[in-house]
C-alpha atoms as a PDB file:
ATOM      1  CA  UNK A   1      25.095   8.874  20.652  1.00  0.00           C
ATOM      2  CA  UNK A   2      24.202  11.351  18.599  1.00  0.00           C
ATOM      3  CA  UNK A   3      24.900   9.283  15.722  1.00  0.00           C
ATOM      4  CA  UNK A   4      22.778   6.381  16.481  1.00  0.00           C
ATOM      5  CA  UNK A   5      19.819   8.663  16.912  1.00  0.00           C
ATOM      6  CA  UNK A   6      20.487   9.964  13.633  1.00  0.00           C
ATOM      7  CA  UNK A   7      20.451   6.427  12.533  1.00  0.00           C
ATOM      8  CA  UNK A   8      17.367   5.976  14.431  1.00  0.00           C
ATOM      9  CA  UNK A   9      15.776   8.433  12.550  1.00  0.00           C
ATOM     10  CA  UNK A  10      16.495   7.761   9.104  1.00  0.00           C
ATOM     11  CA  UNK A  11      14.686   3.948  10.110  1.00  0.00           C
ATOM     12  CA  UNK A  12      11.912   5.420  11.423  1.00  0.00           C
ATOM     13  CA  UNK A  13      11.674   7.737   8.357  1.00  0.00           C
ATOM     14  CA  UNK A  14      12.225   4.562   6.156  1.00  0.00           C
ATOM     15  CA  UNK A  15       9.809   2.520   8.142  1.00  0.00           C
ATOM     16  CA  UNK A  16       7.232   4.663   7.687  1.00  0.00           C
ATOM     17  CA  UNK A  17       7.573   5.358   4.066  1.00  0.00           C
ATOM     18  CA  UNK A  18       7.603   1.687   3.017  1.00  0.00           C
ATOM     19  CA  UNK A  19       4.029   1.549   5.146  1.00  0.00           C
ATOM     20  CA  UNK A  20       2.831   4.814   2.912  1.00  0.00           C
ATOM     21  CA  UNK A  21       3.722   2.653  -0.084  1.00  0.00           C
ATOM     22  CA  UNK A  22       1.932  -0.801   1.140  1.00  0.00           C
ATOM     23  CA  UNK A  23      -0.530   1.250   2.000  1.00  0.00           C
ATOM     24  CA  UNK A  24      -1.047   2.581  -1.559  1.00  0.00           C
ATOM     25  CA  UNK A  25      -0.318  -0.412  -2.684  1.00  0.00           C
ATOM     26  CA  UNK A  26      -2.958  -2.730  -0.813  1.00  0.00           C
ATOM     27  CA  UNK A  27      -5.470   0.994  -2.105  1.00  0.00           C
ATOM     28  CA  UNK A  28      -4.653  -0.192  -5.931  1.00  0.00           C
ATOM     29  CA  UNK A  29      -5.269  -3.585  -4.934  1.00  0.00           C
ATOM     30  CA  UNK A  30      -8.761  -2.976  -3.960  1.00  0.00           C
ATOM     31  CA  UNK A  31      -9.845  -0.853  -6.367  1.00  0.00           C
ATOM     32  CA  UNK A  32      -8.313  -3.767  -9.742  1.00  0.00           C
ATOM     33  CA  UNK A  33     -10.348  -6.296  -7.167  1.00  0.00           C
ATOM     34  CA  UNK A  34     -13.441  -4.070  -7.279  1.00  0.00           C
ATOM     35  CA  UNK A  35     -13.225  -3.652 -10.747  1.00  0.00           C
ATOM     36  CA  UNK A  36     -13.294  -7.613 -11.533  1.00  0.00           C
ATOM     37  CA  UNK A  37     -15.383  -7.742  -9.334  1.00  0.00           C
ATOM     38  CA  UNK A  38     -17.693  -5.753 -11.719  1.00  0.00           C
ATOM     39  CA  UNK A  39     -16.676  -7.459 -14.716  1.00  0.00           C
ATOM     40  CA  UNK A  40     -17.369 -11.329 -13.454  1.00  0.00           C
ATOM     41  CA  UNK A  41     -21.001  -9.748 -12.044  1.00  0.00           C
ATOM     42  CA  UNK A  42     -21.465  -7.951 -15.571  1.00  0.00           C
ATOM     43  CA  UNK A  43     -20.691 -11.123 -17.491  1.00  0.00           C
ATOM     44  CA  UNK A  44     -23.104 -12.856 -15.565  1.00  0.00           C
ATOM     45  CA  UNK A  45     -26.355 -10.735 -16.128  1.00  0.00           C
ATOM     46  CA  UNK A  46     -25.389 -11.209 -19.845  1.00  0.00           C
END
């Protein structure tokens, strides 16, 4: 029973870690998209 509990905790931690990485990645992607958007707008003005 304890073994299963430990495995469950490890799995939960791994899932949480993965979700955090995905969240950070999506933030970087959002920042990148905004930067590209600004560049496109800038070029349209010029």
